[in-house]
């Protein structure tokens, strides 16, 4: 009887070691995959990094194109519409206001309820896709 118990104990120990080896092996492979994924993300981040100087160049180029687009029809690749805003809001505006955005494939409607100085802004946006 003692030999049977010893045999069963050894068998269970061997099975436990095999399972532990599988679990450890799986974790090691998983960590390697994770490290590879992190490495790919770091490389992508480095390749897509934009310097502050380059961002300033983009901002300056956009400002030039915006001014050219407002100066004359077809003066820029950037299409601009003159909106004749004659003064800035004071914050005491009350009522319901609408904004319409007619894009290439979208039509968005924004409705805003304003109640003066003490009101909070809760816009409702409806989007229609053609």
N, C-alpha and C. Protein backbone atom coordinates (compact mmCIF):
# COMPACT_ATOMS: atom_id res chain seq x y z
N UNK A 1 0.81 -1.19 0.00
CA UNK A 1 0.00 0.00 0.00
C UNK A 1 0.86 1.26 0.00
N UNK A 2 1.99 1.21 0.70
CA UNK A 2 2.89 2.36 0.77
C UNK A 2 3.49 2.70 -0.58
N UNK A 3 3.78 1.62 -1.38
CA UNK A 3 4.35 1.87 -2.71
C UNK A 3 3.34 2.53 -3.62
N UNK A 4 2.08 2.19 -3.49
CA UNK A 4 1.02 2.78 -4.32
C UNK A 4 0.87 4.26 -3.97
N UNK A 5 0.85 4.55 -2.67
CA UNK A 5 0.72 5.95 -2.23
C UNK A 5 1.92 6.75 -2.71
N UNK A 6 3.10 6.17 -2.59
CA UNK A 6 4.32 6.86 -3.05
C UNK A 6 4.26 7.09 -4.56
N UNK A 7 3.80 6.08 -5.30
CA UNK A 7 3.67 6.21 -6.76
C UNK A 7 2.68 7.30 -7.14
N UNK A 8 1.54 7.34 -6.44
CA UNK A 8 0.53 8.38 -6.70
C UNK A 8 1.09 9.75 -6.36
N UNK A 9 1.79 9.87 -5.26
CA UNK A 9 2.37 11.16 -4.85
C UNK A 9 3.39 11.63 -5.87
N UNK A 10 4.23 10.70 -6.34
CA UNK A 10 5.22 11.07 -7.36
C UNK A 10 4.52 11.47 -8.65
N UNK A 11 3.49 10.74 -9.02
CA UNK A 11 2.72 11.08 -10.24
C UNK A 11 2.09 12.45 -10.15
N UNK A 12 1.48 12.74 -9.00
CA UNK A 12 0.86 14.06 -8.78
C UNK A 12 1.92 15.16 -8.82
N UNK A 13 3.09 14.88 -8.20
CA UNK A 13 4.17 15.87 -8.21
C UNK A 13 4.66 16.13 -9.62
N UNK A 14 4.80 15.07 -10.41
CA UNK A 14 5.25 15.23 -11.81
C UNK A 14 4.21 16.01 -12.60
N UNK A 15 2.93 15.71 -12.41
CA UNK A 15 1.86 16.44 -13.10
C UNK A 15 1.86 17.91 -12.70
N UNK A 16 2.03 18.18 -11.41
CA UNK A 16 2.06 19.57 -10.92
C UNK A 16 3.24 20.33 -11.52
N UNK A 17 4.40 19.65 -11.60
CA UNK A 17 5.58 20.30 -12.21
C UNK A 17 5.34 20.58 -13.69
N UNK A 18 4.69 19.65 -14.39
CA UNK A 18 4.41 19.85 -15.81
C UNK A 18 3.47 21.03 -16.02
N UNK A 19 2.43 21.09 -15.20
CA UNK A 19 1.47 22.21 -15.30
C UNK A 19 2.17 23.52 -14.98
N UNK A 20 3.00 23.53 -13.94
CA UNK A 20 3.74 24.75 -13.58
C UNK A 20 4.66 25.17 -14.71
N UNK A 21 5.32 24.21 -15.34
CA UNK A 21 6.21 24.53 -16.46
C UNK A 21 5.42 25.13 -17.62
N UNK A 22 4.23 24.60 -17.90
CA UNK A 22 3.39 25.16 -18.97
C UNK A 22 2.96 26.59 -18.65
N UNK A 23 2.55 26.81 -17.39
CA UNK A 23 2.10 28.15 -16.99
C UNK A 23 3.25 29.15 -17.08
N UNK A 24 4.40 28.77 -16.57
CA UNK A 24 5.56 29.66 -16.60
C UNK A 24 5.97 29.94 -18.05
N UNK A 25 5.98 28.91 -18.87
CA UNK A 25 6.32 29.10 -20.29
C UNK A 25 5.36 30.04 -21.00
N UNK A 26 4.08 29.89 -20.68
CA UNK A 26 3.07 30.76 -21.30
C UNK A 26 3.27 32.21 -20.87
N UNK A 27 3.57 32.42 -19.59
CA UNK A 27 3.80 33.79 -19.10
C UNK A 27 5.03 34.41 -19.73
N UNK A 28 6.08 33.60 -19.90
CA UNK A 28 7.31 34.12 -20.52
C UNK A 28 7.02 34.54 -21.96
N UNK A 29 6.29 33.69 -22.70
CA UNK A 29 5.94 34.04 -24.09
C UNK A 29 5.06 35.28 -24.13
N UNK A 30 4.12 35.36 -23.17
CA UNK A 30 3.24 36.52 -23.11
C UNK A 30 4.03 37.80 -22.84
N UNK A 31 5.00 37.73 -21.94
CA UNK A 31 5.82 38.90 -21.64
C UNK A 31 6.65 39.30 -22.85
N UNK A 32 7.16 38.32 -23.58
CA UNK A 32 7.92 38.64 -24.80
C UNK A 32 7.05 39.36 -25.81
N UNK A 33 5.83 38.86 -25.99
CA UNK A 33 4.90 39.52 -26.92
C UNK A 33 4.60 40.94 -26.45
N UNK A 34 4.38 41.10 -25.15
CA UNK A 34 4.10 42.43 -24.59
C UNK A 34 5.27 43.37 -24.81
N UNK A 35 6.49 42.87 -24.56
CA UNK A 35 7.67 43.70 -24.78
C UNK A 35 7.80 44.08 -26.25
N UNK A 36 7.51 43.14 -27.15
CA UNK A 36 7.54 43.45 -28.58
C UNK A 36 6.51 44.52 -28.92
N UNK A 37 5.30 44.39 -28.38
CA UNK A 37 4.24 45.37 -28.64
C UNK A 37 4.63 46.74 -28.12
N UNK A 38 5.21 46.79 -26.92
CA UNK A 38 5.66 48.07 -26.36
C UNK A 38 6.76 48.66 -27.23
N UNK A 39 7.67 47.82 -27.71
CA UNK A 39 8.74 48.30 -28.58
C UNK A 39 8.20 48.89 -29.87
N UNK A 40 7.20 48.24 -30.46
CA UNK A 40 6.58 48.75 -31.70
C UNK A 40 5.92 50.10 -31.43
N UNK A 41 5.21 50.21 -30.29
CA UNK A 41 4.55 51.47 -29.96
C UNK A 41 5.55 52.59 -29.72
N UNK A 42 6.67 52.29 -29.04
CA UNK A 42 7.69 53.31 -28.82
C UNK A 42 8.30 53.77 -30.14
N UNK A 43 8.55 52.83 -31.04
CA UNK A 43 9.10 53.18 -32.35
C UNK A 43 8.13 54.05 -33.13
N UNK A 44 6.84 53.70 -33.09
CA UNK A 44 5.83 54.49 -33.77
C UNK A 44 5.75 55.90 -33.18
N UNK A 45 5.82 55.99 -31.86
CA UNK A 45 5.78 57.29 -31.19
C UNK A 45 6.96 58.15 -31.61
N UNK A 46 8.15 57.55 -31.67
CA UNK A 46 9.34 58.30 -32.07
C UNK A 46 9.26 58.74 -33.52
N UNK A 47 8.73 57.89 -34.40
CA UNK A 47 8.64 58.24 -35.81
C UNK A 47 7.57 59.29 -36.08
N UNK A 48 6.55 59.34 -35.24
CA UNK A 48 5.45 60.30 -35.45
C UNK A 48 5.64 61.58 -34.65
N UNK A 49 6.69 61.67 -33.88
CA UNK A 49 6.92 62.84 -33.04
C UNK A 49 7.12 64.09 -33.90
N UNK A 50 6.48 65.16 -33.50
CA UNK A 50 6.58 66.43 -34.22
C UNK A 50 7.20 67.46 -33.28
N UNK A 51 8.23 68.13 -33.77
CA UNK A 51 8.89 69.12 -32.94
C UNK A 51 8.04 70.38 -32.84
N UNK A 52 8.31 71.18 -31.81
CA UNK A 52 7.59 72.44 -31.62
C UNK A 52 7.84 73.37 -32.80
N UNK A 53 9.07 73.38 -33.30
CA UNK A 53 9.39 74.22 -34.46
C UNK A 53 8.56 73.85 -35.68
N UNK A 54 8.38 72.55 -35.91
CA UNK A 54 7.59 72.09 -37.05
C UNK A 54 6.12 72.45 -36.85
N UNK A 55 5.62 72.33 -35.63
CA UNK A 55 4.24 72.72 -35.36
C UNK A 55 4.02 74.21 -35.59
N UNK A 56 5.01 75.03 -35.24
CA UNK A 56 4.90 76.48 -35.49
C UNK A 56 4.87 76.76 -36.99
N UNK A 57 5.65 76.01 -37.77
CA UNK A 57 5.63 76.17 -39.23
C UNK A 57 4.24 75.85 -39.78
N UNK A 58 3.63 74.79 -39.27
CA UNK A 58 2.28 74.42 -39.72
C UNK A 58 1.28 75.51 -39.37
N UNK A 59 1.36 76.03 -38.15
CA UNK A 59 0.46 77.10 -37.72
C UNK A 59 0.64 78.33 -38.60
N UNK A 60 1.88 78.72 -38.86
CA UNK A 60 2.14 79.88 -39.71
C UNK A 60 1.61 79.68 -41.12
N UNK A 61 1.82 78.49 -41.68
CA UNK A 61 1.33 78.20 -43.04
C UNK A 61 -0.19 78.24 -43.09
N UNK A 62 -0.84 77.72 -42.04
CA UNK A 62 -2.30 77.77 -42.01
C UNK A 62 -2.81 79.20 -41.90
N UNK A 63 -2.14 80.01 -41.10
CA UNK A 63 -2.55 81.41 -40.95
C UNK A 63 -2.43 82.14 -42.28
N UNK A 64 -1.35 81.90 -43.01
CA UNK A 64 -1.16 82.53 -44.33
C UNK A 64 -2.27 82.10 -45.28
N UNK A 65 -2.58 80.79 -45.31
CA UNK A 65 -3.63 80.29 -46.20
C UNK A 65 -4.99 80.84 -45.80
N UNK A 66 -5.26 80.98 -44.50
CA UNK A 66 -6.54 81.52 -44.06
C UNK A 66 -6.68 82.98 -44.50
N UNK A 67 -5.64 83.76 -44.31
CA UNK A 67 -5.69 85.17 -44.74
C UNK A 67 -5.87 85.27 -46.25
N UNK A 68 -5.18 84.43 -47.01
CA UNK A 68 -5.31 84.44 -48.47
C UNK A 68 -6.71 84.02 -48.88
N UNK A 69 -7.28 83.04 -48.20
CA UNK A 69 -8.62 82.59 -48.52
C UNK A 69 -9.68 83.63 -48.21
N UNK A 70 -9.46 84.43 -47.17
CA UNK A 70 -10.41 85.50 -46.85
C UNK A 70 -10.22 86.72 -47.75
N UNK A 71 -9.01 86.89 -48.27
CA UNK A 71 -8.71 88.08 -49.08
C UNK A 71 -9.41 88.05 -50.43
N UNK A 72 -9.47 86.89 -51.07
CA UNK A 72 -10.10 86.83 -52.39
C UNK A 72 -10.63 85.43 -52.66
N UNK A 73 -11.63 85.37 -53.53
CA UNK A 73 -12.21 84.09 -53.94
C UNK A 73 -11.17 83.30 -54.72
N UNK A 74 -10.90 82.10 -54.32
CA UNK A 74 -9.90 81.26 -54.99
C UNK A 74 -8.47 81.66 -54.67
N UNK A 75 -8.27 82.50 -53.66
CA UNK A 75 -6.93 82.95 -53.31
C UNK A 75 -6.14 81.93 -52.51
N UNK A 76 -6.81 80.85 -52.14
CA UNK A 76 -6.16 79.84 -51.32
C UNK A 76 -6.82 78.49 -51.56
N UNK A 77 -6.08 77.43 -51.28
CA UNK A 77 -6.67 76.09 -51.35
C UNK A 77 -7.62 75.87 -50.18
N UNK A 78 -7.43 76.64 -49.13
CA UNK A 78 -8.27 76.57 -47.95
C UNK A 78 -9.47 77.47 -48.16
N UNK A 79 -10.65 76.87 -48.24
CA UNK A 79 -11.86 77.66 -48.51
C UNK A 79 -12.30 78.36 -47.23
N UNK A 80 -12.50 79.65 -47.34
CA UNK A 80 -12.90 80.45 -46.19
C UNK A 80 -14.16 81.24 -46.54
N UNK A 81 -15.05 81.39 -45.58
CA UNK A 81 -16.25 82.19 -45.76
C UNK A 81 -16.17 83.39 -44.84
N UNK A 82 -16.49 84.55 -45.38
CA UNK A 82 -16.54 85.75 -44.56
C UNK A 82 -17.78 85.68 -43.68
N UNK A 83 -17.63 85.81 -42.41
CA UNK A 83 -18.76 85.91 -41.49
C UNK A 83 -18.66 87.28 -40.85
N UNK A 84 -19.66 88.06 -41.05
CA UNK A 84 -19.61 89.44 -40.62
C UNK A 84 -20.05 89.56 -39.17
N UNK A 85 -19.16 89.22 -38.26
CA UNK A 85 -19.42 89.37 -36.84
C UNK A 85 -18.95 90.77 -36.47
N UNK A 86 -19.90 91.60 -36.02
CA UNK A 86 -19.54 93.00 -35.76
C UNK A 86 -19.13 93.27 -34.32
N UNK A 87 -19.40 92.34 -33.39
CA UNK A 87 -18.92 92.52 -32.02
C UNK A 87 -18.89 91.16 -31.31
N UNK A 88 -18.16 91.11 -30.22
CA UNK A 88 -18.04 89.89 -29.45
C UNK A 88 -19.20 89.76 -28.48
N UNK A 89 -19.55 88.53 -28.10
CA UNK A 89 -20.65 88.38 -27.14
C UNK A 89 -20.28 88.97 -25.78
N UNK A 90 -21.28 89.49 -25.09
CA UNK A 90 -21.04 90.12 -23.79
C UNK A 90 -21.26 89.14 -22.63
N UNK A 91 -21.96 88.04 -22.89
CA UNK A 91 -22.28 87.08 -21.83
C UNK A 91 -23.67 87.27 -21.28
N UNK A 92 -24.35 88.34 -21.70
CA UNK A 92 -25.71 88.57 -21.21
C UNK A 92 -26.76 88.13 -22.23
N UNK A 93 -26.35 87.40 -23.26
CA UNK A 93 -27.27 86.97 -24.30
C UNK A 93 -28.29 85.97 -23.74
N UNK A 94 -29.53 86.11 -24.17
CA UNK A 94 -30.61 85.23 -23.74
C UNK A 94 -31.36 84.76 -24.96
N UNK A 95 -31.84 83.51 -24.90
CA UNK A 95 -32.65 82.99 -25.99
C UNK A 95 -32.09 81.71 -26.56
N UNK A 96 -32.72 81.27 -27.64
CA UNK A 96 -32.32 80.05 -28.33
C UNK A 96 -31.54 80.45 -29.58
N UNK A 97 -30.37 79.84 -29.75
CA UNK A 97 -29.52 80.16 -30.89
C UNK A 97 -29.20 78.86 -31.64
N UNK A 98 -29.12 78.96 -32.97
CA UNK A 98 -28.85 77.80 -33.81
C UNK A 98 -27.59 78.03 -34.62
N UNK A 99 -26.86 76.96 -34.85
CA UNK A 99 -25.71 76.98 -35.75
C UNK A 99 -25.89 75.82 -36.72
N UNK A 100 -25.65 76.06 -37.99
CA UNK A 100 -25.79 75.03 -39.01
C UNK A 100 -24.43 74.77 -39.63
N UNK A 101 -24.09 73.51 -39.80
CA UNK A 101 -22.83 73.12 -40.43
C UNK A 101 -23.17 72.19 -41.59
N UNK A 102 -23.01 72.70 -42.80
CA UNK A 102 -23.27 71.91 -43.99
C UNK A 102 -21.95 71.49 -44.58
N UNK A 103 -21.53 70.28 -44.31
CA UNK A 103 -20.26 69.76 -44.83
C UNK A 103 -20.48 68.96 -46.09
N UNK A 104 -19.46 68.21 -46.49
CA UNK A 104 -19.56 67.41 -47.70
C UNK A 104 -20.60 66.30 -47.55
N UNK A 105 -20.54 65.55 -46.45
CA UNK A 105 -21.46 64.44 -46.25
C UNK A 105 -22.29 64.59 -44.99
N UNK A 106 -22.04 65.60 -44.19
CA UNK A 106 -22.75 65.77 -42.93
C UNK A 106 -23.53 67.08 -42.92
N UNK A 107 -24.62 67.06 -42.23
CA UNK A 107 -25.38 68.27 -41.95
C UNK A 107 -25.65 68.25 -40.45
N UNK A 108 -25.02 69.17 -39.72
CA UNK A 108 -25.16 69.22 -38.27
C UNK A 108 -25.92 70.48 -37.87
N UNK A 109 -26.77 70.31 -36.89
CA UNK A 109 -27.54 71.43 -36.34
C UNK A 109 -27.23 71.50 -34.86
N UNK A 110 -26.83 72.68 -34.42
CA UNK A 110 -26.54 72.91 -33.00
C UNK A 110 -27.55 73.91 -32.46
N UNK A 111 -28.23 73.52 -31.38
CA UNK A 111 -29.17 74.42 -30.72
C UNK A 111 -28.65 74.69 -29.32
N UNK A 112 -28.54 75.97 -28.96
CA UNK A 112 -28.02 76.34 -27.65
C UNK A 112 -29.03 77.28 -26.98
N UNK A 113 -29.34 76.97 -25.74
CA UNK A 113 -30.22 77.83 -24.94
C UNK A 113 -29.33 78.68 -24.04
N UNK A 114 -29.42 80.00 -24.18
CA UNK A 114 -28.64 80.91 -23.35
C UNK A 114 -29.57 81.68 -22.43
N UNK A 115 -29.13 81.84 -21.19
CA UNK A 115 -29.97 82.54 -20.22
C UNK A 115 -29.26 83.67 -19.51
N UNK A 116 -28.27 84.26 -20.14
CA UNK A 116 -27.59 85.38 -19.51
C UNK A 116 -26.36 84.95 -18.73
N UNK A 117 -25.96 85.79 -17.78
CA UNK A 117 -24.72 85.58 -17.02
C UNK A 117 -24.73 84.29 -16.21
N UNK A 118 -25.86 83.90 -15.64
CA UNK A 118 -25.89 82.77 -14.73
C UNK A 118 -26.25 81.46 -15.39
N UNK A 119 -26.35 81.41 -16.69
CA UNK A 119 -26.78 80.17 -17.36
C UNK A 119 -25.60 79.26 -17.63
N UNK A 120 -25.92 77.98 -17.74
CA UNK A 120 -24.90 77.02 -18.14
C UNK A 120 -25.22 76.56 -19.56
N UNK A 121 -24.20 76.15 -20.26
CA UNK A 121 -24.33 75.78 -21.67
C UNK A 121 -24.63 74.29 -21.77
N UNK A 122 -25.77 73.95 -22.36
CA UNK A 122 -26.15 72.56 -22.58
C UNK A 122 -26.56 72.43 -24.06
N UNK A 123 -25.59 72.23 -24.96
CA UNK A 123 -25.94 72.19 -26.38
C UNK A 123 -26.60 70.86 -26.79
N UNK A 124 -27.53 70.96 -27.72
CA UNK A 124 -28.13 69.78 -28.36
C UNK A 124 -27.59 69.75 -29.78
N UNK A 125 -27.05 68.61 -30.18
CA UNK A 125 -26.49 68.48 -31.53
C UNK A 125 -27.23 67.37 -32.25
N UNK A 126 -27.72 67.66 -33.44
CA UNK A 126 -28.31 66.66 -34.31
C UNK A 126 -27.40 66.53 -35.52
N UNK A 127 -27.13 65.28 -35.92
CA UNK A 127 -26.24 65.05 -37.05
C UNK A 127 -26.97 64.19 -38.07
N UNK A 128 -26.98 64.66 -39.31
CA UNK A 128 -27.61 63.94 -40.39
C UNK A 128 -26.55 63.62 -41.42
N UNK A 129 -26.41 62.36 -41.78
CA UNK A 129 -25.40 61.93 -42.75
C UNK A 129 -26.10 61.59 -44.04
N UNK A 130 -25.58 62.15 -45.12
CA UNK A 130 -26.22 61.86 -46.43
C UNK A 130 -25.55 60.68 -47.10
